[in-house]
N, C-alpha and C. Protein backbone atom coordinates (compact mmCIF):
# COMPACT_ATOMS: atom_id res chain seq x y z
N MET A 1 -73.76 -5.38 17.03
CA MET A 1 -73.22 -6.31 16.06
C MET A 1 -73.13 -5.61 14.70
N ARG A 2 -72.01 -5.78 14.05
CA ARG A 2 -71.80 -5.18 12.73
C ARG A 2 -72.26 -6.15 11.66
N ILE A 3 -73.05 -5.69 10.71
CA ILE A 3 -73.57 -6.54 9.64
C ILE A 3 -72.64 -6.43 8.43
N SER A 4 -72.27 -7.57 7.88
CA SER A 4 -71.37 -7.60 6.74
C SER A 4 -72.04 -7.04 5.49
N THR A 5 -71.26 -6.34 4.68
CA THR A 5 -71.75 -5.82 3.40
C THR A 5 -71.07 -6.52 2.22
N ARG A 6 -70.40 -7.63 2.50
CA ARG A 6 -69.67 -8.33 1.43
C ARG A 6 -70.59 -8.79 0.31
N SER A 7 -71.84 -9.09 0.63
CA SER A 7 -72.76 -9.56 -0.41
C SER A 7 -73.12 -8.46 -1.39
N GLN A 8 -72.76 -7.22 -1.08
CA GLN A 8 -73.06 -6.11 -1.97
C GLN A 8 -71.96 -5.89 -3.02
N VAL A 9 -70.89 -6.67 -2.95
CA VAL A 9 -69.80 -6.55 -3.92
C VAL A 9 -70.27 -7.12 -5.25
N ASP A 10 -70.01 -6.39 -6.33
CA ASP A 10 -70.41 -6.86 -7.66
C ASP A 10 -69.79 -8.22 -7.96
N PRO A 11 -70.48 -9.05 -8.74
CA PRO A 11 -69.94 -10.37 -9.08
C PRO A 11 -68.65 -10.23 -9.89
N PHE A 12 -67.86 -11.27 -9.84
CA PHE A 12 -66.59 -11.32 -10.53
C PHE A 12 -66.87 -11.69 -11.99
N ILE A 13 -67.11 -10.70 -12.82
CA ILE A 13 -67.58 -10.86 -14.19
C ILE A 13 -66.66 -11.73 -15.04
N VAL A 14 -65.37 -11.73 -14.73
CA VAL A 14 -64.42 -12.47 -15.56
C VAL A 14 -64.78 -13.96 -15.62
N MET A 15 -65.39 -14.49 -14.56
CA MET A 15 -65.77 -15.90 -14.59
C MET A 15 -66.85 -16.14 -15.65
N ASP A 16 -67.76 -15.18 -15.83
CA ASP A 16 -68.76 -15.29 -16.89
C ASP A 16 -68.10 -15.24 -18.26
N VAL A 17 -67.10 -14.38 -18.40
CA VAL A 17 -66.38 -14.28 -19.67
C VAL A 17 -65.65 -15.59 -19.96
N MET A 18 -65.02 -16.17 -18.93
CA MET A 18 -64.32 -17.46 -19.11
C MET A 18 -65.29 -18.55 -19.54
N GLN A 19 -66.47 -18.57 -18.93
CA GLN A 19 -67.47 -19.58 -19.27
C GLN A 19 -67.93 -19.42 -20.72
N ALA A 20 -68.15 -18.19 -21.15
CA ALA A 20 -68.55 -17.94 -22.53
C ALA A 20 -67.44 -18.33 -23.50
N ALA A 21 -66.19 -18.06 -23.14
CA ALA A 21 -65.06 -18.43 -23.99
C ALA A 21 -64.94 -19.95 -24.10
N ALA A 22 -65.13 -20.65 -22.99
CA ALA A 22 -65.07 -22.13 -23.00
C ALA A 22 -66.18 -22.69 -23.89
N ALA A 23 -67.37 -22.09 -23.84
CA ALA A 23 -68.47 -22.55 -24.69
C ALA A 23 -68.14 -22.32 -26.16
N ALA A 24 -67.55 -21.18 -26.47
CA ALA A 24 -67.16 -20.89 -27.86
C ALA A 24 -66.10 -21.86 -28.34
N GLU A 25 -65.14 -22.19 -27.46
CA GLU A 25 -64.10 -23.18 -27.82
C GLU A 25 -64.72 -24.54 -28.07
N ALA A 26 -65.70 -24.92 -27.23
CA ALA A 26 -66.36 -26.21 -27.39
C ALA A 26 -67.10 -26.29 -28.73
N GLU A 27 -67.49 -25.13 -29.26
CA GLU A 27 -68.15 -25.07 -30.57
C GLU A 27 -67.14 -25.06 -31.71
N GLY A 28 -65.83 -25.08 -31.37
CA GLY A 28 -64.80 -25.13 -32.39
C GLY A 28 -64.18 -23.78 -32.75
N ARG A 29 -64.58 -22.72 -32.06
CA ARG A 29 -64.01 -21.40 -32.35
C ARG A 29 -62.63 -21.28 -31.70
N HIS A 30 -61.73 -20.57 -32.37
CA HIS A 30 -60.39 -20.30 -31.83
C HIS A 30 -60.48 -19.07 -30.94
N ILE A 31 -60.13 -19.21 -29.67
CA ILE A 31 -60.22 -18.12 -28.70
C ILE A 31 -58.82 -17.79 -28.18
N ILE A 32 -58.49 -16.52 -28.18
CA ILE A 32 -57.25 -16.05 -27.55
C ILE A 32 -57.65 -15.53 -26.18
N HIS A 33 -57.21 -16.20 -25.14
CA HIS A 33 -57.63 -15.87 -23.78
C HIS A 33 -56.83 -14.68 -23.24
N MET A 34 -57.56 -13.62 -22.96
CA MET A 34 -56.97 -12.42 -22.36
C MET A 34 -57.82 -11.95 -21.18
N GLU A 35 -58.75 -12.79 -20.72
CA GLU A 35 -59.72 -12.35 -19.74
C GLU A 35 -59.29 -12.45 -18.29
N VAL A 36 -58.28 -13.24 -17.99
CA VAL A 36 -57.96 -13.48 -16.59
C VAL A 36 -56.63 -12.90 -16.16
N GLY A 37 -55.69 -12.83 -17.05
CA GLY A 37 -54.35 -12.41 -16.65
C GLY A 37 -53.56 -13.59 -16.14
N GLN A 38 -54.01 -14.77 -16.47
CA GLN A 38 -53.33 -16.00 -16.05
C GLN A 38 -52.04 -16.17 -16.83
N PRO A 39 -50.96 -16.58 -16.15
CA PRO A 39 -49.68 -16.74 -16.85
C PRO A 39 -49.79 -17.78 -17.98
N GLY A 40 -49.09 -17.50 -19.05
CA GLY A 40 -49.07 -18.43 -20.17
C GLY A 40 -47.89 -19.39 -20.11
N THR A 41 -47.06 -19.24 -19.11
CA THR A 41 -45.89 -20.10 -18.95
C THR A 41 -45.90 -20.73 -17.56
N GLY A 42 -45.09 -21.70 -17.37
CA GLY A 42 -44.97 -22.35 -16.07
C GLY A 42 -44.21 -21.47 -15.07
N ALA A 43 -44.09 -21.97 -13.87
CA ALA A 43 -43.36 -21.25 -12.83
C ALA A 43 -41.87 -21.18 -13.19
N PRO A 44 -41.18 -20.14 -12.75
CA PRO A 44 -39.73 -20.06 -13.00
C PRO A 44 -39.02 -21.28 -12.41
N LYS A 45 -37.97 -21.72 -13.08
CA LYS A 45 -37.24 -22.92 -12.67
C LYS A 45 -36.78 -22.84 -11.22
N GLY A 46 -36.27 -21.67 -10.79
CA GLY A 46 -35.81 -21.51 -9.41
C GLY A 46 -36.93 -21.72 -8.41
N ALA A 47 -38.13 -21.23 -8.73
CA ALA A 47 -39.28 -21.40 -7.83
C ALA A 47 -39.69 -22.87 -7.76
N SER A 48 -39.72 -23.54 -8.91
CA SER A 48 -40.07 -24.96 -8.93
C SER A 48 -39.07 -25.80 -8.14
N THR A 49 -37.80 -25.50 -8.30
CA THR A 49 -36.74 -26.23 -7.58
C THR A 49 -36.86 -26.02 -6.08
N ALA A 50 -37.09 -24.77 -5.67
CA ALA A 50 -37.22 -24.46 -4.24
C ALA A 50 -38.46 -25.14 -3.65
N LEU A 51 -39.56 -25.16 -4.38
CA LEU A 51 -40.77 -25.81 -3.89
C LEU A 51 -40.56 -27.32 -3.76
N THR A 52 -39.94 -27.93 -4.76
CA THR A 52 -39.68 -29.36 -4.70
C THR A 52 -38.81 -29.70 -3.50
N ALA A 53 -37.75 -28.93 -3.27
CA ALA A 53 -36.87 -29.17 -2.13
C ALA A 53 -37.63 -29.03 -0.81
N SER A 54 -38.48 -28.02 -0.70
CA SER A 54 -39.26 -27.84 0.53
C SER A 54 -40.22 -28.99 0.76
N MET A 55 -40.86 -29.44 -0.30
CA MET A 55 -41.83 -30.53 -0.17
C MET A 55 -41.15 -31.83 0.21
N GLU A 56 -39.92 -32.04 -0.24
CA GLU A 56 -39.20 -33.27 0.09
C GLU A 56 -38.74 -33.29 1.54
N GLN A 57 -38.72 -32.12 2.19
CA GLN A 57 -38.30 -32.05 3.59
C GLN A 57 -39.43 -32.40 4.55
N GLY A 58 -40.64 -32.53 4.06
CA GLY A 58 -41.77 -32.88 4.92
C GLY A 58 -42.96 -32.01 4.61
N ALA A 59 -43.98 -32.15 5.43
CA ALA A 59 -45.22 -31.41 5.22
C ALA A 59 -44.97 -29.90 5.36
N LEU A 60 -45.57 -29.14 4.47
CA LEU A 60 -45.40 -27.69 4.50
C LEU A 60 -46.33 -27.03 5.52
N GLY A 61 -47.53 -27.56 5.67
CA GLY A 61 -48.49 -27.01 6.62
C GLY A 61 -49.05 -25.68 6.14
N TYR A 62 -49.90 -25.13 6.96
CA TYR A 62 -50.51 -23.84 6.64
C TYR A 62 -49.58 -22.70 7.05
N THR A 63 -49.70 -21.58 6.36
CA THR A 63 -48.96 -20.39 6.74
C THR A 63 -49.86 -19.51 7.59
N VAL A 64 -49.32 -18.46 8.15
CA VAL A 64 -50.13 -17.53 8.91
C VAL A 64 -51.08 -16.82 7.94
N ALA A 65 -52.21 -16.37 8.43
CA ALA A 65 -53.28 -15.87 7.58
C ALA A 65 -52.87 -14.71 6.67
N LEU A 66 -52.03 -13.82 7.13
CA LEU A 66 -51.67 -12.64 6.34
C LEU A 66 -50.43 -12.84 5.48
N GLY A 67 -49.83 -14.03 5.55
CA GLY A 67 -48.62 -14.31 4.78
C GLY A 67 -47.41 -14.41 5.68
N LEU A 68 -46.36 -15.03 5.18
CA LEU A 68 -45.15 -15.21 5.97
C LEU A 68 -44.56 -13.85 6.37
N PRO A 69 -44.28 -13.66 7.65
CA PRO A 69 -43.75 -12.37 8.10
C PRO A 69 -42.48 -11.95 7.36
N ALA A 70 -41.57 -12.88 7.11
CA ALA A 70 -40.33 -12.53 6.41
C ALA A 70 -40.62 -12.03 4.99
N LEU A 71 -41.58 -12.63 4.32
CA LEU A 71 -41.95 -12.19 2.97
C LEU A 71 -42.59 -10.81 3.02
N ARG A 72 -43.45 -10.59 3.99
CA ARG A 72 -44.11 -9.28 4.13
C ARG A 72 -43.07 -8.19 4.43
N GLN A 73 -42.08 -8.52 5.26
CA GLN A 73 -41.02 -7.56 5.57
C GLN A 73 -40.18 -7.25 4.34
N ARG A 74 -39.88 -8.29 3.56
CA ARG A 74 -39.05 -8.08 2.36
C ARG A 74 -39.79 -7.25 1.32
N ILE A 75 -41.08 -7.48 1.17
CA ILE A 75 -41.87 -6.70 0.22
C ILE A 75 -41.90 -5.24 0.66
N ALA A 76 -42.10 -5.00 1.95
CA ALA A 76 -42.10 -3.62 2.47
C ALA A 76 -40.75 -2.96 2.21
N ARG A 77 -39.67 -3.70 2.43
CA ARG A 77 -38.33 -3.15 2.18
C ARG A 77 -38.13 -2.84 0.70
N MET A 78 -38.64 -3.73 -0.17
CA MET A 78 -38.53 -3.52 -1.61
C MET A 78 -39.21 -2.22 -2.02
N TYR A 79 -40.36 -1.92 -1.44
CA TYR A 79 -41.04 -0.67 -1.75
C TYR A 79 -40.18 0.53 -1.37
N GLY A 80 -39.44 0.40 -0.28
CA GLY A 80 -38.51 1.46 0.10
C GLY A 80 -37.39 1.61 -0.90
N GLU A 81 -36.84 0.47 -1.35
CA GLU A 81 -35.72 0.49 -2.30
C GLU A 81 -36.15 0.99 -3.68
N TRP A 82 -37.31 0.56 -4.15
CA TRP A 82 -37.76 0.90 -5.50
C TRP A 82 -38.46 2.25 -5.58
N TYR A 83 -39.30 2.55 -4.57
CA TYR A 83 -40.18 3.72 -4.67
C TYR A 83 -39.94 4.77 -3.58
N ASN A 84 -38.93 4.51 -2.73
CA ASN A 84 -38.62 5.42 -1.62
C ASN A 84 -39.85 5.62 -0.72
N VAL A 85 -40.57 4.52 -0.47
CA VAL A 85 -41.77 4.54 0.36
C VAL A 85 -41.45 3.80 1.66
N ASP A 86 -41.80 4.41 2.78
CA ASP A 86 -41.63 3.78 4.09
C ASP A 86 -42.91 3.01 4.40
N LEU A 87 -42.92 1.73 4.08
CA LEU A 87 -44.11 0.89 4.21
C LEU A 87 -43.98 -0.03 5.41
N ASP A 88 -44.91 0.06 6.32
CA ASP A 88 -44.95 -0.81 7.49
C ASP A 88 -45.31 -2.22 7.02
N PRO A 89 -44.51 -3.25 7.33
CA PRO A 89 -44.82 -4.61 6.91
C PRO A 89 -46.19 -5.10 7.40
N ASN A 90 -46.70 -4.50 8.45
CA ASN A 90 -48.03 -4.88 8.94
C ASN A 90 -49.13 -4.46 7.98
N ARG A 91 -48.81 -3.60 7.01
CA ARG A 91 -49.78 -3.19 6.01
C ARG A 91 -49.68 -4.03 4.74
N VAL A 92 -48.78 -5.00 4.72
CA VAL A 92 -48.61 -5.89 3.57
C VAL A 92 -49.33 -7.20 3.85
N VAL A 93 -50.15 -7.64 2.92
CA VAL A 93 -50.89 -8.90 3.04
C VAL A 93 -50.62 -9.73 1.80
N ILE A 94 -50.32 -11.00 2.01
CA ILE A 94 -50.05 -11.92 0.90
C ILE A 94 -51.31 -12.73 0.62
N THR A 95 -51.77 -12.72 -0.64
CA THR A 95 -52.92 -13.52 -1.02
C THR A 95 -52.51 -14.47 -2.14
N SER A 96 -53.34 -15.46 -2.40
CA SER A 96 -53.03 -16.41 -3.45
C SER A 96 -53.46 -15.89 -4.82
N GLY A 97 -53.99 -14.70 -4.87
CA GLY A 97 -54.40 -14.09 -6.13
C GLY A 97 -55.25 -12.87 -5.85
N SER A 98 -55.63 -12.18 -6.90
CA SER A 98 -56.38 -10.95 -6.71
C SER A 98 -57.76 -11.18 -6.11
N SER A 99 -58.37 -12.33 -6.35
CA SER A 99 -59.71 -12.59 -5.79
C SER A 99 -59.66 -12.55 -4.27
N GLY A 100 -58.62 -13.14 -3.68
CA GLY A 100 -58.48 -13.08 -2.22
C GLY A 100 -58.28 -11.66 -1.75
N GLY A 101 -57.56 -10.87 -2.51
CA GLY A 101 -57.34 -9.46 -2.16
C GLY A 101 -58.63 -8.67 -2.26
N PHE A 102 -59.47 -8.96 -3.25
CA PHE A 102 -60.74 -8.25 -3.38
C PHE A 102 -61.61 -8.48 -2.15
N ILE A 103 -61.63 -9.70 -1.66
CA ILE A 103 -62.44 -10.02 -0.48
C ILE A 103 -61.97 -9.23 0.72
N LEU A 104 -60.65 -9.10 0.86
CA LEU A 104 -60.10 -8.34 1.98
C LEU A 104 -60.51 -6.89 1.90
């Protein structure tokens, strides 16, 4: 049996920074948030429109664990177009953010 070493990964320090920033804001200090890389704007209009249309067609359900195959294939193709890299789509994984990628 293989024993997991995931517990040896350093903590995600940015959450501590966010907590400290929230405490400073609660004390009335003006904080410019640069700790997470979170977008400062909403989703692009085209993405919002496409999501709304999909949701109106019925339940979206869960996707496959590694991401939609068509999206993984397109990303692999994009790497070929942009960087002249022959990337196997099986090596592309879609996560909901960097935290999910770190765990992988």
